[in-house]
Amino acid sequence: MGFFTEFKEFAVKGNVMDLAVGVIIGAAFGKIVDSIVNDLIMPLIGKVVGGLDFSNYYIALAGQDPTLPLLEAKKIGAVFAYGNFLTVALNFVILAFIIFLMIKQINRLKKEAPAAAPAATPEDVVLLREIRDSLKK
């Protein structure tokens, strides 16, 4: 029973619960960033470079017709989907930048903990210092 008790203590600790909440919020936040990249940013970039959709850029490795959409080409055989990789990489960069800005803002808003007042010197130390000072005279 020691193992299960130890596991229960570990699982119920505040850090594990905080981590679980962070993972759930992170997954939801990741979906938001995916939408921003796929629905807002990539279409704008595609428009700038001639109306092309990056997610359908690939190199056919099984002799597929290069005009097929990526999903159709994958059904036929292997493809080197570098456009999808570019989309995911851009997604990561945007997510990392947003997290950087959030952490920077949180650090800026954190108030420095006030320095603790020095502990009062014990009475016997004060008395010994007085004796030392009087002997020096």
C-alpha atoms as a PDB file:
ATOM      1  CA  MET A   1       0.000   0.000   0.000  1.00  0.00           C
ATOM      2  CA  GLY A   2       3.014   2.316   0.404  1.00  0.00           C
ATOM      3  CA  PHE A   3       3.408   2.785  -3.341  1.00  0.00           C
ATOM      4  CA  PHE A   4      -0.236   3.758  -3.882  1.00  0.00           C
ATOM      5  CA  THR A   5      -0.225   6.086  -0.888  1.00  0.00           C
ATOM      6  CA  GLU A   6       2.908   7.764  -2.180  1.00  0.00           C
ATOM      7  CA  PHE A   7       1.383   8.083  -5.665  1.00  0.00           C
ATOM      8  CA  LYS A   8      -1.803   9.581  -4.192  1.00  0.00           C
ATOM      9  CA  GLU A   9       0.223  12.173  -2.277  1.00  0.00           C
ATOM     10  CA  PHE A  10       2.124  13.030  -5.461  1.00  0.00           C
ATOM     11  CA  ALA A  11      -1.017  13.304  -7.602  1.00  0.00           C
ATOM     12  CA  VAL A  12      -2.863  15.523  -5.158  1.00  0.00           C
ATOM     13  CA  LYS A  13      -0.020  17.978  -4.652  1.00  0.00           C
ATOM     14  CA  GLY A  14      -0.738  21.514  -5.787  1.00  0.00           C
ATOM     15  CA  ASN A  15       2.011  21.476  -8.422  1.00  0.00           C
ATOM     16  CA  VAL A  16       0.502  18.507 -10.234  1.00  0.00           C
ATOM     17  CA  MET A  17      -2.945  20.111 -10.241  1.00  0.00           C
ATOM     18  CA  ASP A  18      -1.470  23.404 -11.477  1.00  0.00           C
ATOM     19  CA  LEU A  19       0.303  21.512 -14.234  1.00  0.00           C
ATOM     20  CA  ALA A  20      -2.924  19.790 -15.254  1.00  0.00           C
ATOM     21  CA  VAL A  21      -4.751  23.113 -15.449  1.00  0.00           C
ATOM     22  CA  GLY A  22      -1.851  24.565 -17.451  1.00  0.00           C
ATOM     23  CA  VAL A  23      -1.928  21.704 -19.946  1.00  0.00           C
ATOM     24  CA  ILE A  24      -5.683  22.059 -20.452  1.00  0.00           C
ATOM     25  CA  ILE A  25      -5.464  25.830 -20.922  1.00  0.00           C
ATOM     26  CA  GLY A  26      -2.420  25.371 -23.170  1.00  0.00           C
ATOM     27  CA  ALA A  27      -4.323  22.963 -25.408  1.00  0.00           C
ATOM     28  CA  ALA A  28      -7.191  25.423 -25.744  1.00  0.00           C
ATOM     29  CA  PHE A  29      -4.754  28.278 -26.357  1.00  0.00           C
ATOM     30  CA  GLY A  30      -3.013  26.170 -29.006  1.00  0.00           C
ATOM     31  CA  LYS A  31      -6.298  25.815 -30.878  1.00  0.00           C
ATOM     32  CA  ILE A  32      -6.717  29.592 -30.839  1.00  0.00           C
ATOM     33  CA  VAL A  33      -3.222  30.076 -32.240  1.00  0.00           C
ATOM     34  CA  ASP A  34      -3.871  27.374 -34.871  1.00  0.00           C
ATOM     35  CA  SER A  35      -6.939  29.294 -35.964  1.00  0.00           C
ATOM     36  CA  ILE A  36      -5.041  32.584 -36.058  1.00  0.00           C
ATOM     37  CA  VAL A  37      -2.315  31.053 -38.209  1.00  0.00           C
ATOM     38  CA  ASN A  38      -4.538  28.968 -40.507  1.00  0.00           C
ATOM     39  CA  ASP A  39      -7.491  31.346 -40.844  1.00  0.00           C
ATOM     40  CA  LEU A  40      -5.907  34.795 -40.619  1.00  0.00           C
ATOM     41  CA  ILE A  41      -2.147  34.891 -41.174  1.00  0.00           C
ATOM     42  CA  MET A  42      -1.538  32.176 -43.781  1.00  0.00           C
ATOM     43  CA  PRO A  43      -4.272  33.463 -46.145  1.00  0.00           C
ATOM     44  CA  LEU A  44      -2.682  36.938 -45.976  1.00  0.00           C
ATOM     45  CA  ILE A  45       0.772  35.514 -46.683  1.00  0.00           C
ATOM     46  CA  GLY A  46      -0.716  33.402 -49.461  1.00  0.00           C
ATOM     47  CA  LYS A  47      -2.316  36.511 -50.966  1.00  0.00           C
ATOM     48  CA  VAL A  48       1.000  38.374 -50.867  1.00  0.00           C
ATOM     49  CA  VAL A  49       2.808  35.536 -52.651  1.00  0.00           C
ATOM     50  CA  GLY A  50       0.150  35.086 -55.309  1.00  0.00           C
ATOM     51  CA  GLY A  51      -2.919  33.536 -53.728  1.00  0.00           C
ATOM     52  CA  LEU A  52      -1.328  30.212 -52.934  1.00  0.00           C
ATOM     53  CA  ASP A  53      -2.192  28.061 -49.934  1.00  0.00           C
ATOM     54  CA  PHE A  54       0.985  26.958 -48.138  1.00  0.00           C
ATOM     55  CA  SER A  55      -0.682  23.971 -46.519  1.00  0.00           C
ATOM     56  CA  ASN A  56      -1.027  22.315 -49.949  1.00  0.00           C
ATOM     57  CA  TYR A  57       2.635  22.689 -50.935  1.00  0.00           C
ATOM     58  CA  TYR A  58       4.242  19.290 -51.296  1.00  0.00           C
ATOM     59  CA  ILE A  59       6.630  17.238 -53.361  1.00  0.00           C
ATOM     60  CA  ALA A  60       5.133  14.014 -54.661  1.00  0.00           C
ATOM     61  CA  LEU A  61       7.209  10.971 -53.734  1.00  0.00           C
ATOM     62  CA  ALA A  62       4.949   8.334 -55.318  1.00  0.00           C
ATOM     63  CA  GLY A  63       4.421   9.892 -58.739  1.00  0.00           C
ATOM     64  CA  GLN A  64       1.238  11.818 -57.844  1.00  0.00           C
ATOM     65  CA  ASP A  65      -0.042  14.594 -60.071  1.00  0.00           C
ATOM     66  CA  PRO A  66       1.385  17.823 -58.556  1.00  0.00           C
ATOM     67  CA  THR A  67      -1.943  19.618 -59.053  1.00  0.00           C
ATOM     68  CA  LEU A  68      -3.771  17.336 -56.591  1.00  0.00           C
ATOM     69  CA  PRO A  69      -4.658  18.719 -53.171  1.00  0.00           C
ATOM     70  CA  LEU A  70      -2.433  17.428 -50.355  1.00  0.00           C
ATOM     71  CA  LEU A  71      -5.062  15.108 -48.889  1.00  0.00           C
ATOM     72  CA  GLU A  72      -5.683  13.444 -52.231  1.00  0.00           C
ATOM     73  CA  ALA A  73      -1.956  13.075 -52.890  1.00  0.00           C
ATOM     74  CA  LYS A  74      -1.484  11.457 -49.441  1.00  0.00           C
ATOM     75  CA  LYS A  75      -4.152   8.886 -50.274  1.00  0.00           C
ATOM     76  CA  ILE A  76      -2.184   7.824 -53.339  1.00  0.00           C
ATOM     77  CA  GLY A  77       1.208   7.621 -51.641  1.00  0.00           C
ATOM     78  CA  ALA A  78       3.965   9.347 -49.723  1.00  0.00           C
ATOM     79  CA  VAL A  79       4.438  13.097 -50.046  1.00  0.00           C
ATOM     80  CA  PHE A  80       6.997  15.569 -48.723  1.00  0.00           C
ATOM     81  CA  ALA A  81       4.542  18.132 -47.250  1.00  0.00           C
ATOM     82  CA  TYR A  82       6.833  21.098 -46.692  1.00  0.00           C
ATOM     83  CA  GLY A  83       3.962  23.604 -46.898  1.00  0.00           C
ATOM     84  CA  ASN A  84       2.217  22.009 -43.938  1.00  0.00           C
ATOM     85  CA  PHE A  85       5.530  22.108 -42.067  1.00  0.00           C
ATOM     86  CA  LEU A  86       5.877  25.835 -42.817  1.00  0.00           C
ATOM     87  CA  THR A  87       2.390  26.412 -41.421  1.00  0.00           C
ATOM     88  CA  VAL A  88       3.165  24.459 -38.227  1.00  0.00           C
ATOM     89  CA  ALA A  89       6.542  26.191 -37.820  1.00  0.00           C
ATOM     90  CA  LEU A  90       4.915  29.609 -38.180  1.00  0.00           C
ATOM     91  CA  ASN A  91       2.276  28.483 -35.688  1.00  0.00           C
ATOM     92  CA  PHE A  92       5.044  27.630 -33.199  1.00  0.00           C
ATOM     93  CA  VAL A  93       6.837  30.955 -33.682  1.00  0.00           C
ATOM     94  CA  ILE A  94       3.626  32.899 -33.113  1.00  0.00           C
ATOM     95  CA  LEU A  95       2.750  30.830 -30.040  1.00  0.00           C
ATOM     96  CA  ALA A  96       6.252  31.264 -28.604  1.00  0.00           C
ATOM     97  CA  PHE A  97       6.095  35.029 -29.233  1.00  0.00           C
ATOM     98  CA  ILE A  98       2.698  35.335 -27.548  1.00  0.00           C
ATOM     99  CA  ILE A  99       3.889  33.343 -24.533  1.00  0.00           C
ATOM    100  CA  PHE A 100       7.014  35.526 -24.386  1.00  0.00           C
ATOM    101  CA  LEU A 101       4.858  38.657 -24.331  1.00  0.00           C
ATOM    102  CA  MET A 102       2.598  37.191 -21.651  1.00  0.00           C
ATOM    103  CA  ILE A 103       5.506  36.218 -19.396  1.00  0.00           C
ATOM    104  CA  LYS A 104       7.160  39.585 -19.950  1.00  0.00           C
ATOM    105  CA  GLN A 105       3.925  41.320 -18.930  1.00  0.00           C
ATOM    106  CA  ILE A 106       3.481  39.078 -15.865  1.00  0.00           C
ATOM    107  CA  ASN A 107       7.052  39.750 -14.757  1.00  0.00           C
ATOM    108  CA  ARG A 108       6.502  43.476 -15.201  1.00  0.00           C
ATOM    109  CA  LEU A 109       3.323  43.378 -13.141  1.00  0.00           C
ATOM    110  CA  LYS A 110       4.818  41.329 -10.339  1.00  0.00           C
ATOM    111  CA  LYS A 111       5.648  43.481  -7.424  1.00  0.00           C
ATOM    112  CA  GLU A 112       8.955  42.883  -5.854  1.00  0.00           C
ATOM    113  CA  ALA A 113       8.511  41.334  -2.464  1.00  0.00           C
ATOM    114  CA  PRO A 114       9.381  43.917   0.155  1.00  0.00           C
ATOM    115  CA  ALA A 115      12.623  43.158   1.868  1.00  0.00           C
ATOM    116  CA  ALA A 116      12.025  41.578   5.218  1.00  0.00           C
ATOM    117  CA  ALA A 117      12.984  43.782   8.109  1.00  0.00           C
ATOM    118  CA  PRO A 118      16.115  42.525   9.802  1.00  0.00           C
ATOM    119  CA  ALA A 119      15.350  40.364  12.775  1.00  0.00           C
ATOM    120  CA  ALA A 120      15.725  42.053  16.125  1.00  0.00           C
ATOM    121  CA  THR A 121      19.083  41.358  17.694  1.00  0.00           C
ATOM    122  CA  PRO A 122      18.757  39.112  20.747  1.00  0.00           C
ATOM    123  CA  GLU A 123      19.164  40.859  24.067  1.00  0.00           C
ATOM    124  CA  ASP A 124      22.188  38.833  25.117  1.00  0.00           C
ATOM    125  CA  VAL A 125      24.034  39.797  21.908  1.00  0.00           C
ATOM    126  CA  VAL A 126      23.256  43.465  22.507  1.00  0.00           C
ATOM    127  CA  LEU A 127      24.553  43.148  26.086  1.00  0.00           C
ATOM    128  CA  LEU A 128      27.745  41.422  24.898  1.00  0.00           C
ATOM    129  CA  ARG A 129      28.343  44.170  22.322  1.00  0.00           C
ATOM    130  CA  GLU A 130      27.942  46.835  24.997  1.00  0.00           C
ATOM    131  CA  ILE A 131      30.442  45.014  27.194  1.00  0.00           C
ATOM    132  CA  ARG A 132      32.867  44.714  24.261  1.00  0.00           C
ATOM    133  CA  ASP A 133      32.526  48.402  23.429  1.00  0.00           C
ATOM    134  CA  SER A 134      33.038  49.444  27.055  1.00  0.00           C
ATOM    135  CA  LEU A 135      36.185  47.263  27.303  1.00  0.00           C
ATOM    136  CA  LYS A 136      37.625  48.916  24.193  1.00  0.00           C
ATOM    137  CA  LYS A 137      37.464  52.302  25.939  1.00  0.00           C
END
